[in-house]
Structures are given as C-alpha cells and as structure tokens.
C-alpha cells in the first residue's frame, strides 16, 4: 500500500500488528481479518529491505507496526509505505519535487527487485504427459 501525505517527514514503513502464525493446517480456513498473519515474517523481511535501501539513500525513515485493514486482509507479503515531504533545519522539500520523487522511486524499486530475486519460489518444470517425449 503506497500513500503520500503533506505532513510528517521522509518515509514511513509499517507492517501489520497481527501476531504471526507460523503454520496452519493445510486447507484450514484463515479468518479474513487475520489473513496477513501467515505472511508477517515475509512482510517484515520486505520492510527491512526497503528500510535499508531508504537509509542508504540518506532519506529519513520511520519503521513501525500498524493495524491497517487493507494489510491485515492480504494473503501475501504486504506493508504500508507512506511518503512525506523532506523537512530539514533550513529547507522543506515537498513530495511533489521531481528529484525527491526520483530518489524515493529508486530506493523503493531497488529494494523490491532485490527482495523479489531473493524470494522467488522454485521453478518447477511440468512433467510430460505419459507416453509423450519432451
């Protein structure tokens, strides 16, 4: 979930406040309001990667946990990214500044690409049908 705001400063990352569920019985239903609980370790890993990339880009970062219904209802790694202006002692860079947007985009995109390459599931080649040669 990506959100921009005129208040605050820098990047705010949040993962769900749900308690992680380590394993579930195969085929067992998962309550809608707790769907994210099975993905919290992956969500936190993703948030850590984005946070590290933001920090390397020398952008202010706030990491937290938040009870956000859209996050809690997802059956995949998920986090909230809130983009705010840069506020410094002598200047204020609005979220609409193209150079600031570029820094944000590069930091987030590089972290997502790295995370995707680390989190890829194994590729399974389908078995040929019986009697057919590949």
N, C-alpha and C. Protein backbone atom coordinates (compact mmCIF):
# COMPACT_ATOMS: atom_id res chain seq x y z
N UNK A 1 0.85 -1.15 0.00
CA UNK A 1 0.00 0.00 0.00
C UNK A 1 0.91 1.22 0.00
N UNK A 2 0.71 2.11 -0.93
CA UNK A 2 1.52 3.32 -1.07
C UNK A 2 0.62 4.53 -0.86
N UNK A 3 1.10 5.46 -0.04
CA UNK A 3 0.31 6.63 0.30
C UNK A 3 1.25 7.83 0.36
N UNK A 4 0.78 8.99 -0.08
CA UNK A 4 1.55 10.22 0.04
C UNK A 4 0.79 11.18 0.95
N UNK A 5 1.54 11.94 1.72
CA UNK A 5 0.94 12.89 2.65
C UNK A 5 1.75 14.18 2.66
N UNK A 6 1.10 15.27 3.03
CA UNK A 6 1.78 16.56 3.11
C UNK A 6 2.37 16.79 4.51
N UNK A 7 2.06 15.91 5.46
CA UNK A 7 2.55 16.09 6.83
C UNK A 7 3.64 15.06 7.13
N UNK A 8 4.42 15.33 8.17
CA UNK A 8 5.49 14.43 8.54
C UNK A 8 6.73 14.69 7.72
N UNK A 9 7.67 13.76 7.77
CA UNK A 9 8.90 13.89 7.02
C UNK A 9 9.45 12.52 6.64
N UNK A 10 9.88 12.38 5.40
CA UNK A 10 10.53 11.16 4.95
C UNK A 10 9.60 10.01 4.65
N UNK A 11 10.09 8.81 4.88
CA UNK A 11 9.39 7.57 4.55
C UNK A 11 8.96 6.89 5.83
N UNK A 12 7.71 6.44 5.86
CA UNK A 12 7.18 5.70 6.99
C UNK A 12 6.78 4.31 6.49
N UNK A 13 7.38 3.28 7.03
CA UNK A 13 7.07 1.90 6.66
C UNK A 13 6.32 1.25 7.82
N UNK A 14 5.29 0.48 7.50
CA UNK A 14 4.55 -0.22 8.55
C UNK A 14 4.13 -1.60 8.08
N UNK A 15 4.28 -2.57 8.96
CA UNK A 15 3.73 -3.91 8.75
C UNK A 15 2.60 -4.09 9.75
N UNK A 16 1.84 -5.13 9.57
CA UNK A 16 0.67 -5.39 10.40
C UNK A 16 1.04 -5.63 11.86
N UNK A 17 0.11 -5.33 12.75
CA UNK A 17 0.28 -5.59 14.18
C UNK A 17 -0.21 -6.97 14.58
N UNK A 18 -0.69 -7.76 13.62
CA UNK A 18 -1.17 -9.11 13.94
C UNK A 18 -0.04 -9.95 14.52
N UNK A 19 -0.39 -10.96 15.27
CA UNK A 19 0.58 -11.92 15.79
C UNK A 19 0.87 -12.94 14.69
N UNK A 20 2.14 -13.16 14.37
CA UNK A 20 2.46 -14.11 13.30
C UNK A 20 1.94 -15.51 13.60
N UNK A 21 1.46 -16.17 12.56
CA UNK A 21 1.07 -17.58 12.62
C UNK A 21 2.16 -18.33 11.88
N UNK A 22 2.85 -19.22 12.57
CA UNK A 22 3.97 -19.93 11.96
C UNK A 22 3.50 -20.97 10.96
N UNK A 23 2.48 -21.72 11.31
CA UNK A 23 1.99 -22.73 10.37
C UNK A 23 0.49 -22.90 10.55
N UNK A 24 -0.13 -23.32 9.49
CA UNK A 24 -1.55 -23.62 9.53
C UNK A 24 -1.76 -25.01 8.95
N UNK A 25 -2.83 -25.62 9.34
CA UNK A 25 -3.16 -26.93 8.79
C UNK A 25 -3.52 -26.74 7.32
N UNK A 26 -2.99 -27.59 6.47
CA UNK A 26 -3.26 -27.48 5.04
C UNK A 26 -4.76 -27.49 4.79
N UNK A 27 -5.21 -26.51 4.06
CA UNK A 27 -6.63 -26.42 3.71
C UNK A 27 -7.50 -25.80 4.78
N UNK A 28 -6.92 -25.48 5.94
CA UNK A 28 -7.71 -24.87 7.02
C UNK A 28 -8.04 -23.43 6.63
N UNK A 29 -9.28 -23.03 6.87
CA UNK A 29 -9.64 -21.65 6.53
C UNK A 29 -8.91 -20.65 7.43
N UNK A 30 -8.60 -19.51 6.87
CA UNK A 30 -7.94 -18.43 7.61
C UNK A 30 -8.95 -17.30 7.73
N UNK A 31 -9.22 -16.83 8.94
CA UNK A 31 -10.16 -15.71 9.08
C UNK A 31 -9.69 -14.50 8.27
N UNK A 32 -10.60 -13.85 7.58
CA UNK A 32 -10.30 -12.72 6.71
C UNK A 32 -9.50 -11.64 7.44
N UNK A 33 -9.89 -11.32 8.67
CA UNK A 33 -9.22 -10.26 9.41
C UNK A 33 -7.82 -10.64 9.89
N UNK A 34 -7.44 -11.91 9.77
CA UNK A 34 -6.12 -12.38 10.19
C UNK A 34 -5.30 -12.93 9.04
N UNK A 35 -5.72 -12.69 7.82
CA UNK A 35 -5.06 -13.29 6.66
C UNK A 35 -3.56 -12.98 6.60
N UNK A 36 -3.16 -11.78 6.94
CA UNK A 36 -1.77 -11.35 6.85
C UNK A 36 -0.87 -12.07 7.86
N UNK A 37 -1.44 -12.63 8.91
CA UNK A 37 -0.65 -13.23 9.99
C UNK A 37 0.31 -14.30 9.49
N UNK A 38 -0.09 -15.08 8.48
CA UNK A 38 0.80 -16.12 7.97
C UNK A 38 1.94 -15.56 7.13
N UNK A 39 1.83 -14.32 6.68
CA UNK A 39 2.85 -13.71 5.84
C UNK A 39 3.69 -12.67 6.56
N UNK A 40 3.48 -12.48 7.85
CA UNK A 40 4.21 -11.44 8.59
C UNK A 40 5.73 -11.57 8.52
N UNK A 41 6.31 -12.76 8.64
CA UNK A 41 7.77 -12.83 8.52
C UNK A 41 8.26 -12.33 7.15
N UNK A 42 7.56 -12.68 6.10
CA UNK A 42 7.95 -12.21 4.77
C UNK A 42 7.72 -10.70 4.63
N UNK A 43 6.61 -10.22 5.20
CA UNK A 43 6.32 -8.78 5.16
C UNK A 43 7.40 -8.00 5.90
N UNK A 44 7.83 -8.50 7.05
CA UNK A 44 8.86 -7.82 7.83
C UNK A 44 10.19 -7.85 7.08
N UNK A 45 10.49 -8.95 6.42
CA UNK A 45 11.72 -9.05 5.62
C UNK A 45 11.69 -8.02 4.49
N UNK A 46 10.55 -7.88 3.85
CA UNK A 46 10.40 -6.88 2.79
C UNK A 46 10.56 -5.47 3.35
N UNK A 47 9.92 -5.19 4.48
CA UNK A 47 10.04 -3.87 5.10
C UNK A 47 11.49 -3.58 5.49
N UNK A 48 12.20 -4.58 6.01
CA UNK A 48 13.61 -4.40 6.38
C UNK A 48 14.45 -4.04 5.15
N UNK A 49 14.18 -4.71 4.03
CA UNK A 49 14.93 -4.43 2.80
C UNK A 49 14.66 -3.04 2.27
N UNK A 50 13.40 -2.63 2.27
CA UNK A 50 13.07 -1.28 1.80
C UNK A 50 13.66 -0.25 2.76
N UNK A 51 13.57 -0.53 4.06
CA UNK A 51 14.15 0.39 5.04
C UNK A 51 15.65 0.56 4.85
N UNK A 52 16.36 -0.52 4.59
CA UNK A 52 17.80 -0.44 4.37
C UNK A 52 18.11 0.38 3.12
N UNK A 53 17.33 0.19 2.07
CA UNK A 53 17.55 0.93 0.84
C UNK A 53 17.26 2.42 1.03
N UNK A 54 16.21 2.73 1.77
CA UNK A 54 15.87 4.13 2.05
C UNK A 54 17.00 4.77 2.87
N UNK A 55 17.50 4.05 3.85
CA UNK A 55 18.58 4.56 4.69
C UNK A 55 19.85 4.80 3.86
N UNK A 56 20.17 3.86 2.95
CA UNK A 56 21.34 4.05 2.07
C UNK A 56 21.17 5.28 1.18
N UNK A 57 19.92 5.63 0.86
CA UNK A 57 19.64 6.80 0.03
C UNK A 57 19.65 8.09 0.85
N UNK A 58 19.96 7.97 2.13
CA UNK A 58 20.01 9.10 3.06
C UNK A 58 18.68 9.83 3.15
N UNK A 59 17.61 9.06 3.20
CA UNK A 59 16.27 9.62 3.40
C UNK A 59 15.82 9.25 4.81
N UNK A 60 15.10 10.15 5.49
CA UNK A 60 14.63 9.83 6.84
C UNK A 60 13.62 8.69 6.81
N UNK A 61 13.75 7.79 7.78
CA UNK A 61 12.92 6.59 7.81
C UNK A 61 12.30 6.41 9.19
N UNK A 62 11.03 6.06 9.20
CA UNK A 62 10.34 5.65 10.42
C UNK A 62 9.73 4.28 10.13
N UNK A 63 10.11 3.27 10.91
CA UNK A 63 9.54 1.93 10.76
C UNK A 63 8.66 1.66 11.96
N UNK A 64 7.51 1.03 11.70
CA UNK A 64 6.56 0.80 12.78
C UNK A 64 5.66 -0.37 12.41
N UNK A 65 4.76 -0.67 13.28
CA UNK A 65 3.70 -1.64 13.02
C UNK A 65 2.39 -0.88 13.11
N UNK A 66 1.41 -1.26 12.30
CA UNK A 66 0.14 -0.55 12.29
C UNK A 66 -1.00 -1.52 12.01
N UNK A 67 -2.12 -1.26 12.64
CA UNK A 67 -3.33 -2.04 12.37
C UNK A 67 -4.05 -1.37 11.21
N UNK A 68 -3.79 -1.87 10.03
CA UNK A 68 -4.41 -1.32 8.82
C UNK A 68 -5.19 -2.42 8.12
N UNK A 69 -6.49 -2.26 8.05
CA UNK A 69 -7.33 -3.30 7.48
C UNK A 69 -6.84 -3.77 6.11
N UNK A 70 -6.48 -2.89 5.20
CA UNK A 70 -6.04 -3.44 3.90
C UNK A 70 -4.85 -4.39 4.03
N UNK A 71 -3.93 -4.12 4.96
CA UNK A 71 -2.78 -5.01 5.14
C UNK A 71 -3.20 -6.32 5.79
N UNK A 72 -4.04 -6.24 6.80
CA UNK A 72 -4.43 -7.43 7.57
C UNK A 72 -5.19 -8.44 6.73
N UNK A 73 -5.78 -8.01 5.63
CA UNK A 73 -6.63 -8.88 4.81
C UNK A 73 -5.91 -9.47 3.61
N UNK A 74 -4.62 -9.31 3.51
CA UNK A 74 -3.89 -9.80 2.33
C UNK A 74 -3.19 -11.11 2.60
N UNK A 75 -3.29 -12.02 1.66
CA UNK A 75 -2.62 -13.33 1.73
C UNK A 75 -1.34 -13.28 0.88
N UNK A 76 -0.48 -12.35 1.20
CA UNK A 76 0.80 -12.19 0.52
C UNK A 76 1.64 -11.23 1.37
N UNK A 77 2.94 -11.17 1.14
CA UNK A 77 3.73 -10.19 1.86
C UNK A 77 3.20 -8.78 1.56
N UNK A 78 3.06 -7.96 2.59
CA UNK A 78 2.47 -6.63 2.40
C UNK A 78 2.98 -5.66 3.46
N UNK A 79 3.07 -4.40 3.07
CA UNK A 79 3.41 -3.35 4.01
C UNK A 79 2.86 -2.03 3.51
N UNK A 80 2.81 -1.07 4.39
CA UNK A 80 2.37 0.27 4.04
C UNK A 80 3.60 1.15 3.89
N UNK A 81 3.64 1.92 2.81
CA UNK A 81 4.71 2.88 2.59
C UNK A 81 4.05 4.25 2.48
N UNK A 82 4.36 5.11 3.43
CA UNK A 82 3.82 6.47 3.39
C UNK A 82 4.95 7.43 3.08
N UNK A 83 4.77 8.22 2.03
CA UNK A 83 5.77 9.17 1.58
C UNK A 83 5.39 10.55 2.06
N UNK A 84 6.30 11.23 2.72
CA UNK A 84 6.06 12.57 3.25
C UNK A 84 7.16 13.49 2.74
N UNK A 85 6.95 14.80 2.86
CA UNK A 85 8.00 15.74 2.44
C UNK A 85 9.28 15.54 3.23
N UNK A 86 10.37 16.08 2.71
CA UNK A 86 11.64 16.12 3.45
C UNK A 86 11.66 17.43 4.23
N UNK A 87 11.81 17.33 5.51
CA UNK A 87 11.85 18.52 6.35
C UNK A 87 13.21 18.57 7.03
N UNK A 88 13.96 19.61 6.72
CA UNK A 88 15.28 19.78 7.32
C UNK A 88 15.35 21.08 8.10
N UNK A 89 16.48 21.32 8.75
CA UNK A 89 16.62 22.53 9.55
C UNK A 89 16.50 23.82 8.73
N UNK A 90 16.92 23.77 7.47
CA UNK A 90 16.90 25.01 6.67
C UNK A 90 16.01 24.95 5.44
N UNK A 91 15.38 23.80 5.18
CA UNK A 91 14.54 23.73 3.98
C UNK A 91 13.44 22.68 4.14
N UNK A 92 12.50 22.72 3.21
CA UNK A 92 11.41 21.75 3.15
C UNK A 92 11.25 21.36 1.69
N UNK A 93 11.41 20.07 1.39
CA UNK A 93 11.25 19.58 0.03
C UNK A 93 9.89 18.89 -0.06
N UNK A 94 8.99 19.43 -0.88
CA UNK A 94 7.65 18.83 -0.96
C UNK A 94 7.68 17.47 -1.67
N UNK A 95 6.69 16.67 -1.40
CA UNK A 95 6.57 15.35 -2.02
C UNK A 95 6.42 15.48 -3.55
N UNK A 96 6.03 16.63 -4.03
CA UNK A 96 5.84 16.85 -5.47
C UNK A 96 7.14 17.19 -6.19
N UNK A 97 8.24 17.34 -5.46
CA UNK A 97 9.53 17.67 -6.07
C UNK A 97 10.02 16.49 -6.91
N UNK A 98 10.27 16.69 -8.23
CA UNK A 98 10.69 15.58 -9.10
C UNK A 98 11.97 14.87 -8.65
N UNK A 99 12.96 15.61 -8.19
CA UNK A 99 14.22 14.98 -7.76
C UNK A 99 13.98 14.11 -6.51
N UNK A 100 13.17 14.58 -5.60
CA UNK A 100 12.84 13.81 -4.40
C UNK A 100 12.06 12.56 -4.78
N UNK A 101 11.09 12.70 -5.67
CA UNK A 101 10.32 11.54 -6.14
C UNK A 101 11.25 10.51 -6.78
N UNK A 102 12.22 10.96 -7.54
CA UNK A 102 13.16 10.04 -8.19
C UNK A 102 13.97 9.28 -7.15
N UNK A 103 14.46 9.96 -6.12
CA UNK A 103 15.21 9.28 -5.05
C UNK A 103 14.35 8.24 -4.36
N UNK A 104 13.10 8.61 -4.08
CA UNK A 104 12.18 7.67 -3.44
C UNK A 104 11.94 6.45 -4.33
N UNK A 105 11.65 6.72 -5.59
CA UNK A 105 11.35 5.63 -6.52
C UNK A 105 12.54 4.68 -6.67
N UNK A 106 13.74 5.23 -6.79
CA UNK A 106 14.93 4.39 -6.92
C UNK A 106 15.17 3.55 -5.67
N UNK A 107 15.00 4.14 -4.50
CA UNK A 107 15.22 3.40 -3.26
C UNK A 107 14.22 2.26 -3.12
N UNK A 108 12.96 2.53 -3.38
CA UNK A 108 11.93 1.51 -3.24
C UNK A 108 12.07 0.44 -4.32
N UNK A 109 12.27 0.87 -5.57
CA UNK A 109 12.38 -0.10 -6.67
C UNK A 109 13.58 -1.02 -6.50
N UNK A 110 14.73 -0.49 -6.10
CA UNK A 110 15.91 -1.35 -5.95
C UNK A 110 15.68 -2.37 -4.84
N UNK A 111 15.03 -1.97 -3.77
CA UNK A 111 14.74 -2.91 -2.68
C UNK A 111 13.75 -3.97 -3.13
N UNK A 112 12.74 -3.59 -3.88
CA UNK A 112 11.75 -4.57 -4.37
C UNK A 112 12.39 -5.57 -5.33
N UNK A 113 13.26 -5.11 -6.20
CA UNK A 113 13.93 -6.01 -7.13
C UNK A 113 14.82 -6.99 -6.37
N UNK A 114 15.58 -6.48 -5.41
CA UNK A 114 16.44 -7.35 -4.61
C UNK A 114 15.59 -8.37 -3.86
N UNK A 115 14.51 -7.92 -3.22
CA UNK A 115 13.64 -8.82 -2.45
C UNK A 115 13.01 -9.87 -3.36
N UNK A 116 12.53 -9.45 -4.52
CA UNK A 116 11.92 -10.39 -5.46
C UNK A 116 12.91 -11.47 -5.86
N UNK A 117 14.15 -11.09 -6.13
CA UNK A 117 15.15 -12.06 -6.54
C UNK A 117 15.51 -13.02 -5.41
N UNK A 118 15.40 -12.57 -4.16
CA UNK A 118 15.67 -13.43 -3.01
C UNK A 118 14.48 -14.30 -2.65
N UNK A 119 13.26 -13.84 -2.96
CA UNK A 119 12.04 -14.51 -2.51
C UNK A 119 11.37 -15.35 -3.59
N UNK A 120 12.02 -15.53 -4.71
CA UNK A 120 11.40 -16.28 -5.80
C UNK A 120 11.18 -17.74 -5.40
N UNK A 121 9.97 -18.22 -5.65
CA UNK A 121 9.75 -19.65 -5.39
C UNK A 121 10.50 -20.48 -6.43
N UNK A 122 10.77 -21.73 -6.12
CA UNK A 122 11.45 -22.57 -7.10
C UNK A 122 10.60 -22.74 -8.36
N UNK A 123 11.26 -22.85 -9.48
CA UNK A 123 10.56 -23.05 -10.74
C UNK A 123 10.45 -24.54 -10.99
N UNK A 124 9.25 -25.00 -11.18
CA UNK A 124 9.01 -26.41 -11.44
C UNK A 124 8.63 -26.59 -12.91
N UNK A 125 9.36 -27.45 -13.58
CA UNK A 125 9.03 -27.77 -14.97
C UNK A 125 7.92 -28.82 -14.95
N UNK A 126 6.88 -28.61 -15.74
CA UNK A 126 5.82 -29.61 -15.76
C UNK A 126 6.31 -30.93 -16.31
N UNK A 127 5.81 -31.99 -15.75
CA UNK A 127 6.17 -33.33 -16.24
C UNK A 127 5.45 -33.57 -17.56
N UNK A 128 6.15 -34.21 -18.51
CA UNK A 128 5.46 -34.52 -19.77
C UNK A 128 4.35 -35.55 -19.52
N UNK A 129 3.33 -35.46 -20.33
CA UNK A 129 2.22 -36.41 -20.21
C UNK A 129 2.74 -37.81 -20.50
N UNK A 130 2.17 -38.83 -19.84
CA UNK A 130 2.62 -40.21 -20.06
C UNK A 130 2.59 -40.56 -21.55
N UNK A 131 3.67 -41.16 -22.00
CA UNK A 131 3.74 -41.60 -23.40
C UNK A 131 4.26 -40.54 -24.34
N UNK A 132 4.42 -39.30 -23.87
CA UNK A 132 4.95 -38.23 -24.74
C UNK A 132 6.40 -37.98 -24.39
N UNK A 133 7.19 -37.77 -25.40
CA UNK A 133 8.60 -37.46 -25.20
C UNK A 133 8.76 -35.94 -25.25
N UNK A 134 9.63 -35.40 -24.40
CA UNK A 134 9.86 -33.94 -24.45
C UNK A 134 10.61 -33.53 -25.69
